[in-house]
C-alpha atoms as a PDB file:
ATOM      1  CA  VAL A   1       0.000   0.000   0.000  1.00  0.00           C
ATOM      2  CA  CYS A   2       1.391   3.396  -0.961  1.00  0.00           C
ATOM      3  CA  ALA A   3       0.620   6.823   0.462  1.00  0.00           C
ATOM      4  CA  ASN A   4       0.982   9.243  -2.433  1.00  0.00           C
ATOM      5  CA  PRO A   5       1.393  12.796  -1.108  1.00  0.00           C
ATOM      6  CA  ASP A   6      -1.244  15.269  -2.295  1.00  0.00           C
ATOM      7  CA  SER A   7       1.088  18.213  -2.693  1.00  0.00           C
ATOM      8  CA  ASP A   8       1.738  21.191  -4.952  1.00  0.00           C
ATOM      9  CA  GLN A   9       5.460  20.839  -4.283  1.00  0.00           C
ATOM     10  CA  ILE A  10       7.723  20.638  -7.349  1.00  0.00           C
ATOM     11  CA  PRO A  11       9.055  18.061  -7.626  1.00  0.00           C
ATOM     12  CA  PRO A  12       6.352  16.218  -5.672  1.00  0.00           C
ATOM     13  CA  PRO A  13       7.455  14.192  -2.647  1.00  0.00           C
ATOM     14  CA  PRO A  14       7.910  10.482  -3.348  1.00  0.00           C
ATOM     15  CA  PRO A  15       5.226   8.022  -2.231  1.00  0.00           C
ATOM     16  CA  VAL A  16       5.660   6.166   1.047  1.00  0.00           C
ATOM     17  CA  CYS A  17       4.983   2.447   0.552  1.00  0.00           C
ATOM     18  CA  GLU A  18       4.712  -0.468   2.963  1.00  0.00           C
ATOM     19  CA  VAL A  19       4.144  -4.181   2.338  1.00  0.00           C
ATOM     20  CA  THR A  20       1.153  -5.784   4.041  1.00  0.00           C
ATOM     21  CA  ASP A  21       1.631  -8.664   6.446  1.00  0.00           C
ATOM     22  CA  ALA A  22       0.200 -12.157   5.787  1.00  0.00           C
ATOM     23  CA  ASP A  23      -3.229 -10.984   7.018  1.00  0.00           C
ATOM     24  CA  GLY A  24      -3.260  -7.872   4.816  1.00  0.00           C
ATOM     25  CA  ASN A  25      -2.520  -5.404   7.632  1.00  0.00           C
ATOM     26  CA  TYR A  26      -0.282  -2.420   7.016  1.00  0.00           C
ATOM     27  CA  ALA A  27       1.037   0.657   8.803  1.00  0.00           C
ATOM     28  CA  ILE A  28       2.473   3.780   7.164  1.00  0.00           C
ATOM     29  CA  ALA A  29       4.131   6.562   9.181  1.00  0.00           C
ATOM     30  CA  LEU A  30       3.244  10.004   7.820  1.00  0.00           C
ATOM     31  CA  PRO A  31       3.707  13.482   9.269  1.00  0.00           C
ATOM     32  CA  THR A  32       0.783  15.226  10.985  1.00  0.00           C
ATOM     33  CA  GLY A  33      -0.937  17.696   8.669  1.00  0.00           C
ATOM     34  CA  SER A  34      -0.049  15.766   5.524  1.00  0.00           C
ATOM     35  CA  SER A  35      -2.604  15.008   2.810  1.00  0.00           C
ATOM     36  CA  PHE A  36      -2.284  11.889   0.701  1.00  0.00           C
ATOM     37  CA  ASN A  37      -4.021   9.192  -1.320  1.00  0.00           C
ATOM     38  CA  LEU A  38      -3.726   5.566  -0.205  1.00  0.00           C
ATOM     39  CA  THR A  39      -3.383   3.162  -3.122  1.00  0.00           C
ATOM     40  CA  PRO A  40      -2.795  -0.603  -2.920  1.00  0.00           C
ATOM     41  CA  LYS A  41      -0.614  -2.199  -5.590  1.00  0.00           C
ATOM     42  CA  LEU A  42       0.050  -5.810  -6.541  1.00  0.00           C
ATOM     43  CA  ASN A  43       1.062  -6.808 -10.073  1.00  0.00           C
ATOM     44  CA  ASN A  44      -2.048  -6.700 -12.297  1.00  0.00           C
ATOM     45  CA  HIS A  45      -4.582  -6.762  -9.457  1.00  0.00           C
ATOM     46  CA  THR A  46      -7.475  -4.325  -9.086  1.00  0.00           C
ATOM     47  CA  PHE A  47      -8.560  -3.052  -5.674  1.00  0.00           C
ATOM     48  CA  ALA A  48     -11.566  -1.221  -4.255  1.00  0.00           C
ATOM     49  CA  SER A  49     -11.771   0.562  -0.908  1.00  0.00           C
ATOM     50  CA  SER A  50     -14.083  -1.209   1.517  1.00  0.00           C
ATOM     51  CA  SER A  51     -15.787   2.072   2.338  1.00  0.00           C
ATOM     52  CA  ASP A  52     -16.940   3.301  -1.092  1.00  0.00           C
ATOM     53  CA  GLY A  53     -15.472   1.005  -3.760  1.00  0.00           C
ATOM     54  CA  ALA A  54     -13.068   3.652  -5.064  1.00  0.00           C
ATOM     55  CA  PRO A  55      -9.552   2.508  -6.057  1.00  0.00           C
ATOM     56  CA  THR A  56      -7.933   4.994  -3.628  1.00  0.00           C
ATOM     57  CA  ILE A  57      -8.685   6.516  -0.228  1.00  0.00           C
ATOM     58  CA  SER A  58      -8.005  10.243   0.164  1.00  0.00           C
ATOM     59  CA  VAL A  59      -6.914  11.663   3.501  1.00  0.00           C
ATOM     60  CA  ILE A  60      -6.824  15.441   3.804  1.00  0.00           C
ATOM     61  CA  SER A  61      -4.735  16.978   6.574  1.00  0.00           C
ATOM     62  CA  LEU A  62      -3.901  14.029   8.821  1.00  0.00           C
ATOM     63  CA  THR A  63      -4.458  15.038  12.452  1.00  0.00           C
ATOM     64  CA  GLU A  64      -4.244  11.711  14.290  1.00  0.00           C
ATOM     65  CA  SER A  65      -3.651   8.038  13.725  1.00  0.00           C
ATOM     66  CA  ILE A  66      -6.345   6.456  11.544  1.00  0.00           C
ATOM     67  CA  THR A  67      -7.359   2.816  11.215  1.00  0.00           C
ATOM     68  CA  GLY A  68      -9.768   0.807   9.109  1.00  0.00           C
ATOM     69  CA  GLN A  69      -8.533   2.043   5.742  1.00  0.00           C
ATOM     70  CA  ASP A  70      -9.223  -1.292   4.057  1.00  0.00           C
ATOM     71  CA  PHE A  71      -9.196  -2.481   0.457  1.00  0.00           C
ATOM     72  CA  THR A  72     -10.646  -5.553  -1.245  1.00  0.00           C
ATOM     73  CA  ASP A  73      -8.869  -7.297  -4.106  1.00  0.00           C
ATOM     74  CA  THR A  74     -11.564  -7.477  -6.803  1.00  0.00           C
ATOM     75  CA  THR A  75      -9.398  -9.307  -9.338  1.00  0.00           C
ATOM     76  CA  THR A  76     -10.824 -12.552 -10.676  1.00  0.00           C
ATOM     77  CA  VAL A  77      -9.433 -15.381 -12.780  1.00  0.00           C
ATOM     78  CA  LYS A  78     -11.156 -17.899 -15.015  1.00  0.00           C
ATOM     79  CA  MET A  79     -10.714 -21.609 -14.272  1.00  0.00           C
ATOM     80  CA  THR A  80     -11.747 -24.224 -16.811  1.00  0.00           C
ATOM     81  CA  ALA A  81     -12.088 -27.924 -15.945  1.00  0.00           C
ATOM     82  CA  SER A  82     -13.062 -30.865 -18.107  1.00  0.00           C
ATOM     83  CA  LEU A  83     -13.134 -34.653 -17.773  1.00  0.00           C
ATOM     84  CA  HIS A  84     -12.065 -36.632 -20.844  1.00  0.00           C
ATOM     85  CA  GLY A  85     -10.502 -40.039 -21.412  1.00  0.00           C
ATOM     86  CA  GLY A  86      -8.544 -41.942 -24.025  1.00  0.00           C
ATOM     87  CA  ARG A  87      -6.868 -40.867 -27.228  1.00  0.00           C
ATOM     88  CA  CYS A  88     -10.157 -39.559 -28.612  1.00  0.00           C
ATOM     89  CA  LYS A  89     -10.722 -37.529 -25.454  1.00  0.00           C
ATOM     90  CA  LYS A  90     -14.179 -39.035 -24.876  1.00  0.00           C
ATOM     91  CA  PHE A  91     -16.306 -36.942 -22.546  1.00  0.00           C
ATOM     92  CA  LEU A  92     -16.651 -39.078 -19.400  1.00  0.00           C
ATOM     93  CA  GLY A  93     -19.733 -37.494 -17.903  1.00  0.00           C
ATOM     94  CA  ASP A  94     -20.877 -35.152 -15.209  1.00  0.00           C
ATOM     95  CA  PHE A  95     -18.467 -34.494 -12.385  1.00  0.00           C
ATOM     96  CA  LYS A  96     -18.152 -32.742  -9.053  1.00  0.00           C
ATOM     97  CA  VAL A  97     -15.035 -30.823  -8.023  1.00  0.00           C
ATOM     98  CA  ARG A  98     -13.897 -28.962  -4.921  1.00  0.00           C
ATOM     99  CA  VAL A  99     -12.013 -25.753  -5.601  1.00  0.00           C
ATOM    100  CA  GLN A 100     -10.186 -24.620  -2.461  1.00  0.00           C
ATOM    101  CA  SER A 101      -7.636 -21.865  -2.040  1.00  0.00           C
ATOM    102  CA  VAL A 102      -4.245 -23.008  -0.794  1.00  0.00           C
ATOM    103  CA  ASN A 103      -4.668 -20.804   2.303  1.00  0.00           C
ATOM    104  CA  SER A 104      -8.190 -22.280   2.880  1.00  0.00           C
ATOM    105  CA  CYS A 105      -9.933 -18.891   2.903  1.00  0.00           C
ATOM    106  CA  TYR A 106     -12.115 -19.893  -0.073  1.00  0.00           C
ATOM    107  CA  SER A 107     -13.782 -23.214  -0.869  1.00  0.00           C
ATOM    108  CA  GLN A 108     -16.524 -24.196  -3.299  1.00  0.00           C
ATOM    109  CA  GLU A 109     -17.930 -27.551  -4.451  1.00  0.00           C
ATOM    110  CA  VAL A 110     -19.409 -27.506  -7.947  1.00  0.00           C
ATOM    111  CA  TRP A 111     -21.243 -30.063 -10.080  1.00  0.00           C
ATOM    112  CA  HIS A 112     -20.733 -29.886 -13.817  1.00  0.00           C
ATOM    113  CA  ARG A 113     -23.886 -31.316 -15.389  1.00  0.00           C
ATOM    114  CA  SER A 114     -24.083 -31.022 -19.129  1.00  0.00           C
ATOM    115  CA  THR A 115     -24.105 -33.193 -22.226  1.00  0.00           C
ATOM    116  CA  GLN A 116     -23.673 -30.151 -24.478  1.00  0.00           C
ATOM    117  CA  LEU A 117     -20.772 -28.339 -22.815  1.00  0.00           C
ATOM    118  CA  THR A 118     -17.877 -30.553 -21.808  1.00  0.00           C
ATOM    119  CA  GLU A 119     -16.050 -27.847 -19.848  1.00  0.00           C
ATOM    120  CA  LEU A 120     -16.811 -26.220 -16.524  1.00  0.00           C
ATOM    121  CA  ASP A 121     -15.971 -22.510 -16.407  1.00  0.00           C
ATOM    122  CA  LEU A 122     -15.655 -20.739 -13.053  1.00  0.00           C
ATOM    123  CA  GLU A 123     -14.850 -17.119 -12.225  1.00  0.00           C
ATOM    124  CA  LEU A 124     -12.762 -17.177  -9.035  1.00  0.00           C
ATOM    125  CA  PRO A 125     -10.883 -14.745  -6.786  1.00  0.00           C
ATOM    126  CA  ALA A 126      -7.233 -14.308  -7.815  1.00  0.00           C
ATOM    127  CA  LEU A 127      -5.766 -16.883  -5.411  1.00  0.00           C
ATOM    128  CA  ASP A 128      -3.755 -20.097  -5.704  1.00  0.00           C
ATOM    129  CA  PHE A 129      -6.126 -23.095  -5.764  1.00  0.00           C
ATOM    130  CA  ASP A 130      -6.138 -26.845  -5.290  1.00  0.00           C
ATOM    131  CA  VAL A 131      -8.792 -28.652  -7.350  1.00  0.00           C
ATOM    132  CA  THR A 132     -10.036 -32.068  -6.233  1.00  0.00           C
ATOM    133  CA  LEU A 133     -12.211 -34.380  -8.324  1.00  0.00           C
ATOM    134  CA  LEU A 134     -14.868 -35.615  -5.858  1.00  0.00           C
ATOM    135  CA  GLN A 135     -17.339 -37.576  -7.937  1.00  0.00           C
ATOM    136  CA  VAL A 136     -18.051 -38.738 -11.478  1.00  0.00           C
ATOM    137  CA  GLU A 137     -21.412 -39.962 -12.712  1.00  0.00           C
ATOM    138  CA  SER A 138     -21.366 -43.052 -14.923  1.00  0.00           C
ATOM    139  CA  VAL A 139     -21.493 -42.788 -18.690  1.00  0.00           C
ATOM    140  CA  GLU A 140     -22.149 -45.526 -21.211  1.00  0.00           C
ATOM    141  CA  GLY A 141     -19.497 -48.227 -20.839  1.00  0.00           C
ATOM    142  CA  VAL A 142     -17.580 -46.414 -18.080  1.00  0.00           C
ATOM    143  CA  SER A 143     -18.151 -46.576 -14.336  1.00  0.00           C
ATOM    144  CA  GLY A 144     -17.514 -43.400 -12.385  1.00  0.00           C
ATOM    145  CA  ASP A 145     -16.123 -45.506  -9.503  1.00  0.00           C
ATOM    146  CA  HIS A 146     -13.385 -46.845 -11.785  1.00  0.00           C
ATOM    147  CA  ILE A 147     -12.435 -43.364 -12.917  1.00  0.00           C
ATOM    148  CA  LEU A 148     -11.600 -42.191  -9.384  1.00  0.00           C
ATOM    149  CA  THR A 149      -9.554 -45.262  -8.395  1.00  0.00           C
END
């Protein structure tokens, strides 16, 4: 998170940036009376302030320590899953997966039920995920129990 000074000074003062801890907490030391814009940054991620959804939080004339200046990472990624077998990549049927973030803060179980679309598309938060195949329904000539063993 960076505090970008709101100043008419030329050249403008450099931003003051601090890295968040594992829980997303941060602290930035700024002089009393300063005005600045707080802006989170992480690669290609997009953020929104928890208070009004804006990408930055403006503080005009800091008079005392402030807390609760929180941001939410609104970046999403697309995950596609499919279940095929053999050289001809035969569609093996409907399936259920668990998508769980590596840090366990997000988990979702999803059934893919379709004879038309062979892929499951999910829009997920931008996290690292483990995907577990939980169940497969039988298709002609193939038992779902044999697929999972």
